[in-house]
Amino acid sequence: MVHCIFFFVLSVLYCTGSIRKWHTRNIRIEIAMKNTIVLLSYGALIEVLQSRVFTWRSGDWHDLLADTIGASMGIFAVLVTGNAINSNK
């Protein structure tokens, strides 16, 4: 649950940064896909490091699944919120 919440917040902040960087009113789908790849790669790297480098930690597929779900939920929330805000203007 914690992994899901952290990656939800991380993806919302990452998408907000992308919106500001590209000076758009909403996140474009290709940027959302790139953000998803970056966030999932980051989650996978964390799990690989935990299983290979840090002896007191263990990498877990369930953690990576929770990271994926949280990142996907965050990006979806940004897409839906952006479309709702921009459809009223």
N, C-alpha and C. Protein backbone atom coordinates (compact mmCIF):
# COMPACT_ATOMS: atom_id res chain seq x y z
N MET A 1 0.82 -1.19 0.00
CA MET A 1 0.00 0.00 0.00
C MET A 1 0.87 1.26 0.00
N VAL A 2 1.94 1.21 0.76
CA VAL A 2 2.83 2.37 0.84
C VAL A 2 3.50 2.63 -0.51
N HIS A 3 3.94 1.56 -1.17
CA HIS A 3 4.56 1.72 -2.49
C HIS A 3 3.57 2.36 -3.46
N CYS A 4 2.34 1.92 -3.43
CA CYS A 4 1.31 2.45 -4.32
C CYS A 4 1.10 3.94 -4.07
N ILE A 5 1.00 4.33 -2.83
CA ILE A 5 0.77 5.75 -2.49
C ILE A 5 1.97 6.60 -2.88
N PHE A 6 3.18 6.13 -2.58
CA PHE A 6 4.37 6.91 -2.92
C PHE A 6 4.51 7.09 -4.43
N PHE A 7 4.28 6.03 -5.19
CA PHE A 7 4.40 6.16 -6.63
C PHE A 7 3.24 6.94 -7.24
N PHE A 8 2.09 6.94 -6.61
CA PHE A 8 0.99 7.81 -7.05
C PHE A 8 1.42 9.27 -6.93
N VAL A 9 1.92 9.64 -5.77
CA VAL A 9 2.36 11.02 -5.54
C VAL A 9 3.53 11.37 -6.47
N LEU A 10 4.48 10.46 -6.61
CA LEU A 10 5.62 10.70 -7.49
C LEU A 10 5.17 10.92 -8.92
N SER A 11 4.23 10.12 -9.41
CA SER A 11 3.79 10.27 -10.79
C SER A 11 3.01 11.56 -11.00
N VAL A 12 2.21 11.97 -10.03
CA VAL A 12 1.49 13.24 -10.15
C VAL A 12 2.48 14.41 -10.20
N LEU A 13 3.47 14.39 -9.34
CA LEU A 13 4.47 15.45 -9.34
C LEU A 13 5.30 15.44 -10.62
N TYR A 14 5.64 14.25 -11.10
CA TYR A 14 6.44 14.12 -12.33
C TYR A 14 5.65 14.62 -13.54
N CYS A 15 4.35 14.30 -13.60
CA CYS A 15 3.51 14.77 -14.69
C CYS A 15 3.30 16.28 -14.61
N THR A 16 3.17 16.81 -13.41
CA THR A 16 3.04 18.25 -13.24
C THR A 16 4.30 18.96 -13.74
N GLY A 17 5.44 18.39 -13.44
CA GLY A 17 6.70 18.95 -13.95
C GLY A 17 6.76 18.89 -15.47
N SER A 18 6.27 17.82 -16.05
CA SER A 18 6.26 17.70 -17.51
C SER A 18 5.32 18.72 -18.14
N ILE A 19 4.18 18.96 -17.52
CA ILE A 19 3.25 19.96 -18.03
C ILE A 19 3.89 21.35 -18.00
N ARG A 20 4.56 21.65 -16.92
CA ARG A 20 5.23 22.96 -16.81
C ARG A 20 6.40 23.08 -17.78
N LYS A 21 7.13 21.99 -17.97
CA LYS A 21 8.28 22.01 -18.88
C LYS A 21 7.85 22.27 -20.31
N TRP A 22 6.77 21.60 -20.76
CA TRP A 22 6.34 21.71 -22.14
C TRP A 22 5.31 22.82 -22.34
N HIS A 23 4.99 23.57 -21.30
CA HIS A 23 4.09 24.73 -21.39
C HIS A 23 2.75 24.36 -22.04
N THR A 24 2.16 23.27 -21.57
CA THR A 24 0.86 22.86 -22.07
C THR A 24 -0.17 22.98 -20.96
N ARG A 25 -1.42 22.87 -21.33
CA ARG A 25 -2.49 22.93 -20.33
C ARG A 25 -2.85 21.55 -19.82
N ASN A 26 -2.43 20.54 -20.57
CA ASN A 26 -2.72 19.16 -20.20
C ASN A 26 -1.54 18.31 -20.65
N ILE A 27 -1.40 17.16 -20.08
CA ILE A 27 -0.30 16.27 -20.46
C ILE A 27 -0.69 15.53 -21.74
N ARG A 28 0.21 15.53 -22.70
CA ARG A 28 -0.05 14.81 -23.94
C ARG A 28 0.19 13.32 -23.72
N ILE A 29 -0.44 12.50 -24.54
CA ILE A 29 -0.39 11.06 -24.33
C ILE A 29 1.02 10.50 -24.50
N GLU A 30 1.80 11.06 -25.43
CA GLU A 30 3.17 10.56 -25.61
C GLU A 30 4.05 10.92 -24.41
N ILE A 31 3.80 12.05 -23.80
CA ILE A 31 4.54 12.41 -22.58
C ILE A 31 4.11 11.52 -21.43
N ALA A 32 2.83 11.21 -21.35
CA ALA A 32 2.34 10.31 -20.30
C ALA A 32 2.96 8.92 -20.45
N MET A 33 3.10 8.45 -21.67
CA MET A 33 3.72 7.14 -21.89
C MET A 33 5.20 7.15 -21.51
N LYS A 34 5.90 8.23 -21.86
CA LYS A 34 7.31 8.35 -21.48
C LYS A 34 7.46 8.41 -19.96
N ASN A 35 6.57 9.16 -19.31
CA ASN A 35 6.60 9.24 -17.85
C ASN A 35 6.35 7.88 -17.22
N THR A 36 5.45 7.11 -17.80
CA THR A 36 5.16 5.77 -17.29
C THR A 36 6.39 4.89 -17.39
N ILE A 37 7.08 4.94 -18.51
CA ILE A 37 8.28 4.13 -18.69
C ILE A 37 9.36 4.52 -17.70
N VAL A 38 9.53 5.82 -17.50
CA VAL A 38 10.55 6.30 -16.56
C VAL A 38 10.22 5.85 -15.14
N LEU A 39 8.98 5.99 -14.74
CA LEU A 39 8.59 5.63 -13.37
C LEU A 39 8.69 4.12 -13.14
N LEU A 40 8.30 3.32 -14.11
CA LEU A 40 8.40 1.87 -13.96
C LEU A 40 9.85 1.41 -13.96
N SER A 41 10.68 2.06 -14.76
CA SER A 41 12.11 1.74 -14.74
C SER A 41 12.73 2.09 -13.39
N TYR A 42 12.31 3.20 -12.83
CA TYR A 42 12.80 3.61 -11.52
C TYR A 42 12.39 2.61 -10.45
N GLY A 43 11.14 2.17 -10.48
CA GLY A 43 10.66 1.17 -9.52
C GLY A 43 11.40 -0.16 -9.67
N ALA A 44 11.64 -0.58 -10.93
CA ALA A 44 12.38 -1.82 -11.18
C ALA A 44 13.81 -1.70 -10.70
N LEU A 45 14.43 -0.55 -10.92
CA LEU A 45 15.81 -0.34 -10.46
C LEU A 45 15.90 -0.43 -8.95
N ILE A 46 14.94 0.15 -8.26
CA ILE A 46 14.93 0.06 -6.80
C ILE A 46 14.85 -1.39 -6.34
N GLU A 47 13.98 -2.16 -6.97
CA GLU A 47 13.83 -3.57 -6.56
C GLU A 47 15.06 -4.39 -6.90
N VAL A 48 15.69 -4.13 -8.04
CA VAL A 48 16.92 -4.85 -8.39
C VAL A 48 18.03 -4.50 -7.41
N LEU A 49 18.16 -3.24 -7.07
CA LEU A 49 19.18 -2.83 -6.10
C LEU A 49 18.93 -3.48 -4.74
N GLN A 50 17.67 -3.56 -4.35
CA GLN A 50 17.36 -4.18 -3.07
C GLN A 50 17.70 -5.67 -3.07
N SER A 51 17.52 -6.33 -4.18
CA SER A 51 17.78 -7.78 -4.20
C SER A 51 19.24 -8.11 -4.44
N ARG A 52 20.00 -7.26 -5.12
CA ARG A 52 21.38 -7.58 -5.49
C ARG A 52 22.44 -6.87 -4.66
N VAL A 53 22.19 -5.63 -4.31
CA VAL A 53 23.23 -4.82 -3.67
C VAL A 53 23.09 -4.80 -2.15
N PHE A 54 21.92 -4.49 -1.69
CA PHE A 54 21.72 -4.32 -0.25
C PHE A 54 21.39 -5.67 0.38
N THR A 55 22.25 -6.14 1.25
CA THR A 55 22.08 -7.48 1.82
C THR A 55 20.97 -7.54 2.87
N TRP A 56 20.62 -6.43 3.45
CA TRP A 56 19.59 -6.42 4.49
C TRP A 56 18.20 -6.17 3.91
N ARG A 57 18.11 -6.01 2.59
CA ARG A 57 16.82 -5.78 1.93
C ARG A 57 16.58 -6.90 0.92
N SER A 58 15.34 -7.08 0.54
CA SER A 58 15.03 -8.08 -0.48
C SER A 58 14.11 -7.46 -1.52
N GLY A 59 14.39 -7.71 -2.79
CA GLY A 59 13.53 -7.24 -3.85
C GLY A 59 12.29 -8.12 -3.93
N ASP A 60 11.16 -7.51 -4.23
CA ASP A 60 9.90 -8.25 -4.23
C ASP A 60 9.08 -7.85 -5.45
N TRP A 61 8.54 -8.84 -6.13
CA TRP A 61 7.70 -8.57 -7.29
C TRP A 61 6.41 -7.86 -6.90
N HIS A 62 5.94 -8.11 -5.72
CA HIS A 62 4.71 -7.45 -5.26
C HIS A 62 4.93 -5.95 -5.07
N ASP A 63 6.13 -5.58 -4.63
CA ASP A 63 6.44 -4.16 -4.50
C ASP A 63 6.47 -3.49 -5.88
N LEU A 64 7.05 -4.18 -6.86
CA LEU A 64 7.09 -3.62 -8.21
C LEU A 64 5.68 -3.51 -8.79
N LEU A 65 4.84 -4.47 -8.50
CA LEU A 65 3.44 -4.40 -8.94
C LEU A 65 2.73 -3.21 -8.29
N ALA A 66 2.96 -3.00 -7.01
CA ALA A 66 2.36 -1.86 -6.32
C ALA A 66 2.89 -0.54 -6.89
N ASP A 67 4.18 -0.49 -7.22
CA ASP A 67 4.76 0.70 -7.86
C ASP A 67 4.07 0.98 -9.19
N THR A 68 3.86 -0.07 -9.97
CA THR A 68 3.22 0.06 -11.28
C THR A 68 1.79 0.54 -11.14
N ILE A 69 1.06 -0.02 -10.22
CA ILE A 69 -0.33 0.40 -10.01
C ILE A 69 -0.40 1.85 -9.55
N GLY A 70 0.45 2.24 -8.61
CA GLY A 70 0.45 3.62 -8.13
C GLY A 70 0.82 4.61 -9.22
N ALA A 71 1.83 4.29 -10.02
CA ALA A 71 2.24 5.19 -11.10
C ALA A 71 1.14 5.31 -12.15
N SER A 72 0.52 4.20 -12.48
CA SER A 72 -0.57 4.22 -13.47
C SER A 72 -1.76 5.02 -12.97
N MET A 73 -2.10 4.84 -11.71
CA MET A 73 -3.21 5.60 -11.13
C MET A 73 -2.92 7.09 -11.13
N GLY A 74 -1.69 7.47 -10.81
CA GLY A 74 -1.33 8.88 -10.78
C GLY A 74 -1.38 9.52 -12.16
N ILE A 75 -0.85 8.84 -13.15
CA ILE A 75 -0.87 9.38 -14.51
C ILE A 75 -2.30 9.45 -15.02
N PHE A 76 -3.09 8.44 -14.74
CA PHE A 76 -4.51 8.47 -15.13
C PHE A 76 -5.23 9.62 -14.46
N ALA A 77 -4.95 9.87 -13.19
CA ALA A 77 -5.58 10.97 -12.47
C ALA A 77 -5.22 12.32 -13.09
N VAL A 78 -3.97 12.46 -13.49
CA VAL A 78 -3.54 13.72 -14.13
C VAL A 78 -4.23 13.89 -15.48
N LEU A 79 -4.33 12.82 -16.25
CA LEU A 79 -5.01 12.89 -17.55
C LEU A 79 -6.49 13.27 -17.38
N VAL A 80 -7.18 12.62 -16.46
CA VAL A 80 -8.60 12.89 -16.26
C VAL A 80 -8.82 14.29 -15.71
N THR A 81 -8.02 14.68 -14.73
CA THR A 81 -8.16 16.01 -14.15
C THR A 81 -7.87 17.10 -15.18
N GLY A 82 -6.81 16.93 -15.95
CA GLY A 82 -6.47 17.91 -16.98
C GLY A 82 -7.56 18.04 -18.03
N ASN A 83 -8.14 16.92 -18.46
CA ASN A 83 -9.22 16.97 -19.44
C ASN A 83 -10.47 17.62 -18.86
N ALA A 84 -10.76 17.36 -17.60
CA ALA A 84 -11.94 17.96 -16.97
C ALA A 84 -11.77 19.46 -16.81
N ILE A 85 -10.61 19.90 -16.43
CA ILE A 85 -10.37 21.34 -16.25
C ILE A 85 -10.39 22.06 -17.59
N ASN A 86 -9.77 21.47 -18.60
CA ASN A 86 -9.69 22.13 -19.90
C ASN A 86 -10.98 22.06 -20.71
N SER A 87 -11.89 21.14 -20.39
CA SER A 87 -13.15 21.07 -21.13
C SER A 87 -14.11 22.17 -20.69
N ASN A 88 -13.89 22.74 -19.50
CA ASN A 88 -14.75 23.82 -19.01
C ASN A 88 -14.33 25.19 -19.53
N LYS A 89 -13.17 25.27 -20.15
CA LYS A 89 -12.69 26.58 -20.61
C LYS A 89 -12.90 26.77 -22.06
